[in-house]
C-alpha atoms as a PDB file:
ATOM      1  CA  MET A   1      24.636   5.314  12.585  1.00  0.00           C
ATOM      2  CA  THR A   2      22.026   6.203  15.147  1.00  0.00           C
ATOM      3  CA  GLU A   3      19.574   3.547  16.195  1.00  0.00           C
ATOM      4  CA  ARG A   4      16.417   3.511  14.054  1.00  0.00           C
ATOM      5  CA  ASN A   5      13.161   1.694  13.812  1.00  0.00           C
ATOM      6  CA  PRO A   6      14.010  -1.521  11.859  1.00  0.00           C
ATOM      7  CA  GLU A   7      10.916  -1.228   9.622  1.00  0.00           C
ATOM      8  CA  ARG A   8      11.698   2.378   8.678  1.00  0.00           C
ATOM      9  CA  LEU A   9      15.381   1.576   8.158  1.00  0.00           C
ATOM     10  CA  ALA A  10      14.544  -1.329   5.856  1.00  0.00           C
ATOM     11  CA  ARG A  11      12.137   0.822   3.831  1.00  0.00           C
ATOM     12  CA  ALA A  12      14.682   3.638   3.584  1.00  0.00           C
ATOM     13  CA  CYS A  13      17.300   1.171   2.337  1.00  0.00           C
ATOM     14  CA  ALA A  14      14.898  -0.307  -0.221  1.00  0.00           C
ATOM     15  CA  ASP A  15      13.830   3.139  -1.456  1.00  0.00           C
ATOM     16  CA  ALA A  16      17.468   4.237  -1.791  1.00  0.00           C
ATOM     17  CA  LEU A  17      18.463   1.069  -3.674  1.00  0.00           C
ATOM     18  CA  PHE A  18      15.417   1.223  -5.935  1.00  0.00           C
ATOM     19  CA  SER A  19      16.110   4.865  -6.837  1.00  0.00           C
ATOM     20  CA  ARG A  20      19.547   3.775  -8.137  1.00  0.00           C
ATOM     21  CA  ASP A  21      18.355   0.504  -9.732  1.00  0.00           C
ATOM     22  CA  LEU A  22      17.672   1.478 -13.321  1.00  0.00           C
ATOM     23  CA  ALA A  23      17.572  -2.160 -14.465  1.00  0.00           C
ATOM     24  CA  SER A  24      14.638  -3.032 -12.195  1.00  0.00           C
ATOM     25  CA  GLN A  25      12.870   0.217 -13.040  1.00  0.00           C
ATOM     26  CA  ARG A  26      13.236  -0.308 -16.793  1.00  0.00           C
ATOM     27  CA  MET A  27      11.819  -3.825 -16.516  1.00  0.00           C
ATOM     28  CA  GLY A  28       8.705  -2.253 -15.014  1.00  0.00           C
ATOM     29  CA  MET A  29       9.246  -3.456 -11.448  1.00  0.00           C
ATOM     30  CA  HIS A  30       7.539  -1.685  -8.556  1.00  0.00           C
ATOM     31  CA  LEU A  31       8.615  -1.940  -4.938  1.00  0.00           C
ATOM     32  CA  LEU A  32       5.572  -3.038  -2.922  1.00  0.00           C
ATOM     33  CA  ASP A  33       6.942  -3.731   0.547  1.00  0.00           C
ATOM     34  CA  ALA A  34      10.188  -3.849   2.465  1.00  0.00           C
ATOM     35  CA  GLY A  35      11.058  -4.749   6.024  1.00  0.00           C
ATOM     36  CA  PRO A  36      13.910  -6.345   7.930  1.00  0.00           C
ATOM     37  CA  GLY A  37      14.961  -9.352   5.829  1.00  0.00           C
ATOM     38  CA  ARG A  38      12.019  -9.139   3.452  1.00  0.00           C
ATOM     39  CA  ALA A  39      10.864  -7.385   0.285  1.00  0.00           C
ATOM     40  CA  SER A  40       8.151  -7.659  -2.342  1.00  0.00           C
ATOM     41  CA  LEU A  41       8.183  -6.416  -5.916  1.00  0.00           C
ATOM     42  CA  ARG A  42       5.655  -6.535  -8.728  1.00  0.00           C
ATOM     43  CA  MET A  43       6.357  -6.709 -12.463  1.00  0.00           C
ATOM     44  CA  PRO A  44       3.947  -6.941 -15.386  1.00  0.00           C
ATOM     45  CA  VAL A  45       4.785  -9.373 -18.195  1.00  0.00           C
ATOM     46  CA  ARG A  46       5.078  -7.261 -21.332  1.00  0.00           C
ATOM     47  CA  GLU A  47       5.225  -8.347 -24.969  1.00  0.00           C
ATOM     48  CA  ASP A  48       8.959  -7.597 -25.161  1.00  0.00           C
ATOM     49  CA  MET A  49       9.551 -10.115 -22.329  1.00  0.00           C
ATOM     50  CA  LEU A  50       8.189 -13.109 -24.255  1.00  0.00           C
ATOM     51  CA  GLN A  51      10.467 -15.809 -25.626  1.00  0.00           C
ATOM     52  CA  GLY A  52       9.933 -18.083 -28.628  1.00  0.00           C
ATOM     53  CA  HIS A  53       7.316 -20.266 -26.921  1.00  0.00           C
ATOM     54  CA  GLY A  54       5.152 -17.228 -26.131  1.00  0.00           C
ATOM     55  CA  THR A  55       5.779 -17.200 -22.384  1.00  0.00           C
ATOM     56  CA  CYS A  56       7.883 -14.932 -20.191  1.00  0.00           C
ATOM     57  CA  HIS A  57      11.611 -15.459 -20.687  1.00  0.00           C
ATOM     58  CA  GLY A  58      13.204 -17.079 -17.640  1.00  0.00           C
ATOM     59  CA  GLY A  59      15.801 -14.327 -17.452  1.00  0.00           C
ATOM     60  CA  TYR A  60      13.089 -11.821 -16.550  1.00  0.00           C
ATOM     61  CA  LEU A  61      11.748 -14.125 -13.853  1.00  0.00           C
ATOM     62  CA  PHE A  62      15.269 -14.520 -12.484  1.00  0.00           C
ATOM     63  CA  ALA A  63      15.800 -10.750 -12.561  1.00  0.00           C
ATOM     64  CA  LEU A  64      12.549 -10.140 -10.652  1.00  0.00           C
ATOM     65  CA  ALA A  65      13.477 -12.667  -7.971  1.00  0.00           C
ATOM     66  CA  ASP A  66      17.049 -11.400  -7.811  1.00  0.00           C
ATOM     67  CA  SER A  67      15.837  -7.838  -7.257  1.00  0.00           C
ATOM     68  CA  ALA A  68      13.514  -8.887  -4.424  1.00  0.00           C
ATOM     69  CA  PHE A  69      16.436 -10.812  -2.915  1.00  0.00           C
ATOM     70  CA  ALA A  70      18.682  -7.752  -3.184  1.00  0.00           C
ATOM     71  CA  PHE A  71      16.221  -5.486  -1.382  1.00  0.00           C
ATOM     72  CA  ALA A  72      15.704  -8.062   1.371  1.00  0.00           C
ATOM     73  CA  CYS A  73      19.392  -8.739   2.041  1.00  0.00           C
ATOM     74  CA  ASN A  74      20.263  -5.026   2.038  1.00  0.00           C
ATOM     75  CA  SER A  75      17.489  -4.119   4.487  1.00  0.00           C
ATOM     76  CA  TYR A  76      19.814  -3.646   7.473  1.00  0.00           C
ATOM     77  CA  ASP A  77      21.878  -0.840   5.868  1.00  0.00           C
ATOM     78  CA  GLU A  78      24.798  -3.213   5.441  1.00  0.00           C
ATOM     79  CA  ALA A  79      25.844  -3.437   1.800  1.00  0.00           C
ATOM     80  CA  SER A  80      25.396  -7.023   0.595  1.00  0.00           C
ATOM     81  CA  VAL A  81      25.852  -8.758  -2.737  1.00  0.00           C
ATOM     82  CA  ALA A  82      24.871 -12.144  -4.121  1.00  0.00           C
ATOM     83  CA  ILE A  83      27.410 -14.951  -4.019  1.00  0.00           C
ATOM     84  CA  GLY A  84      25.080 -17.628  -5.325  1.00  0.00           C
ATOM     85  CA  CYS A  85      21.558 -17.955  -6.666  1.00  0.00           C
ATOM     86  CA  SER A  86      19.365 -20.673  -8.137  1.00  0.00           C
ATOM     87  CA  ILE A  87      15.853 -20.760  -9.518  1.00  0.00           C
ATOM     88  CA  ASP A  88      13.287 -23.434 -10.252  1.00  0.00           C
ATOM     89  CA  TYR A  89      10.656 -22.603 -12.857  1.00  0.00           C
ATOM     90  CA  ILE A  90       7.332 -24.117 -11.829  1.00  0.00           C
ATOM     91  CA  ALA A  91       4.762 -22.728 -14.285  1.00  0.00           C
ATOM     92  CA  PRO A  92       4.866 -20.340 -17.247  1.00  0.00           C
ATOM     93  CA  ALA A  93       4.126 -16.654 -16.896  1.00  0.00           C
ATOM     94  CA  ARG A  94       2.115 -15.198 -19.751  1.00  0.00           C
ATOM     95  CA  LEU A  95       1.598 -11.858 -21.456  1.00  0.00           C
ATOM     96  CA  GLY A  96      -0.374  -9.553 -19.160  1.00  0.00           C
ATOM     97  CA  ASP A  97       0.386 -11.466 -15.975  1.00  0.00           C
ATOM     98  CA  GLU A  98       1.200  -9.362 -12.917  1.00  0.00           C
ATOM     99  CA  LEU A  99       4.009 -11.170 -11.132  1.00  0.00           C
ATOM    100  CA  THR A 100       4.840 -10.640  -7.473  1.00  0.00           C
ATOM    101  CA  ALA A 101       8.176 -11.718  -6.024  1.00  0.00           C
ATOM    102  CA  THR A 102       8.278 -12.038  -2.247  1.00  0.00           C
ATOM    103  CA  ALA A 103      11.687 -12.491  -0.616  1.00  0.00           C
ATOM    104  CA  SER A 104      12.138 -13.705   2.949  1.00  0.00           C
ATOM    105  CA  GLU A 105      15.237 -14.184   5.016  1.00  0.00           C
ATOM    106  CA  GLN A 106      15.904 -17.766   6.100  1.00  0.00           C
ATOM    107  CA  SER A 107      19.168 -17.189   7.964  1.00  0.00           C
ATOM    108  CA  ARG A 108      21.659 -14.394   8.578  1.00  0.00           C
ATOM    109  CA  SER A 109      24.905 -14.866  10.460  1.00  0.00           C
ATOM    110  CA  GLY A 110      28.334 -13.283  10.202  1.00  0.00           C
ATOM    111  CA  ARG A 111      28.793 -12.046   6.649  1.00  0.00           C
ATOM    112  CA  THR A 112      26.327 -14.380   4.901  1.00  0.00           C
ATOM    113  CA  GLY A 113      22.600 -14.789   4.616  1.00  0.00           C
ATOM    114  CA  ASN A 114      20.138 -17.103   2.887  1.00  0.00           C
ATOM    115  CA  TYR A 115      16.937 -15.872   1.274  1.00  0.00           C
ATOM    116  CA  ASP A 116      14.031 -17.573  -0.466  1.00  0.00           C
ATOM    117  CA  VAL A 117      11.874 -15.851  -3.068  1.00  0.00           C
ATOM    118  CA  ARG A 118       8.462 -16.945  -4.340  1.00  0.00           C
ATOM    119  CA  ILE A 119       7.147 -15.589  -7.619  1.00  0.00           C
ATOM    120  CA  GLU A 120       3.381 -15.805  -8.038  1.00  0.00           C
ATOM    121  CA  ASN A 121       1.012 -14.454 -10.665  1.00  0.00           C
ATOM    122  CA  GLN A 122      -2.076 -12.349  -9.997  1.00  0.00           C
ATOM    123  CA  HIS A 123      -4.092 -15.525  -9.289  1.00  0.00           C
ATOM    124  CA  GLY A 124      -1.682 -16.714  -6.595  1.00  0.00           C
ATOM    125  CA  GLN A 125      -0.282 -19.441  -8.857  1.00  0.00           C
ATOM    126  CA  LEU A 126       3.312 -20.323  -8.085  1.00  0.00           C
ATOM    127  CA  ILE A 127       5.536 -19.449 -11.064  1.00  0.00           C
ATOM    128  CA  ALA A 128       9.061 -19.876  -9.663  1.00  0.00           C
ATOM    129  CA  LEU A 129      11.098 -20.538  -6.528  1.00  0.00           C
ATOM    130  CA  PHE A 130      14.458 -18.804  -6.082  1.00  0.00           C
ATOM    131  CA  HIS A 131      17.170 -19.145  -3.460  1.00  0.00           C
ATOM    132  CA  GLY A 132      19.933 -16.605  -2.968  1.00  0.00           C
ATOM    133  CA  LYS A 133      22.953 -16.448  -0.724  1.00  0.00           C
ATOM    134  CA  SER A 134      24.243 -13.006   0.243  1.00  0.00           C
ATOM    135  CA  TYR A 135      27.636 -11.770   1.355  1.00  0.00           C
ATOM    136  CA  LYS A 136      28.123  -8.606   3.392  1.00  0.00           C
ATOM    137  CA  VAL A 137      30.724  -6.275   1.871  1.00  0.00           C
ATOM    138  CA  ARG A 138      32.097  -2.983   3.162  1.00  0.00           C
ATOM    139  CA  GLY A 139      29.895   0.050   3.350  1.00  0.00           C
ATOM    140  CA  THR A 140      26.269   0.867   3.842  1.00  0.00           C
ATOM    141  CA  VAL A 141      23.304   1.227   1.549  1.00  0.00           C
ATOM    142  CA  LEU A 142      22.213   4.686   2.631  1.00  0.00           C
ATOM    143  CA  ALA A 143      25.656   6.308   2.476  1.00  0.00           C
ATOM    144  CA  GLN A 144      26.431   5.249  -1.093  1.00  0.00           C
ATOM    145  CA  GLU A 145      26.657   7.920  -3.733  1.00  0.00           C
ATOM    146  CA  THR A 146      24.310   7.866  -6.679  1.00  0.00           C
ATOM    147  CA  PRO A 147      25.934   7.327 -10.109  1.00  0.00           C
ATOM    148  CA  ASN A 148      25.483  11.006 -11.066  1.00  0.00           C
ATOM    149  CA  GLU A 149      27.321  12.413  -8.050  1.00  0.00           C
END
């Protein structure tokens, strides 16, 4: 691959991944920002995301954080997957909240990387903290075929 501007490369990788990521799209996620080792996504809390206590189901919060993590760890055009993730739920997210997940690289060496993700609501209140560990596999992000090819 020819040398590219790292910011443009990261955005191209995020755009390519997001175009193939039907799960994130169907949950209403929107890619806000992407750069080397970082990404931000937004997701509204819809009625169909509420659990029995009337707050956002933790699985949706995990999915939002996991998606931000995925875009951050794949920002170098080196295909990476998760090998471990954990989340701490800090405060409930409620119907109508606009959640933003911001992923940032903490370390990257060899085939592994560590990433932290903060989920906040539209008021800047911390909702959850997520940590993911990535593993670099074969291939690149930009050269992958789409499912319909």
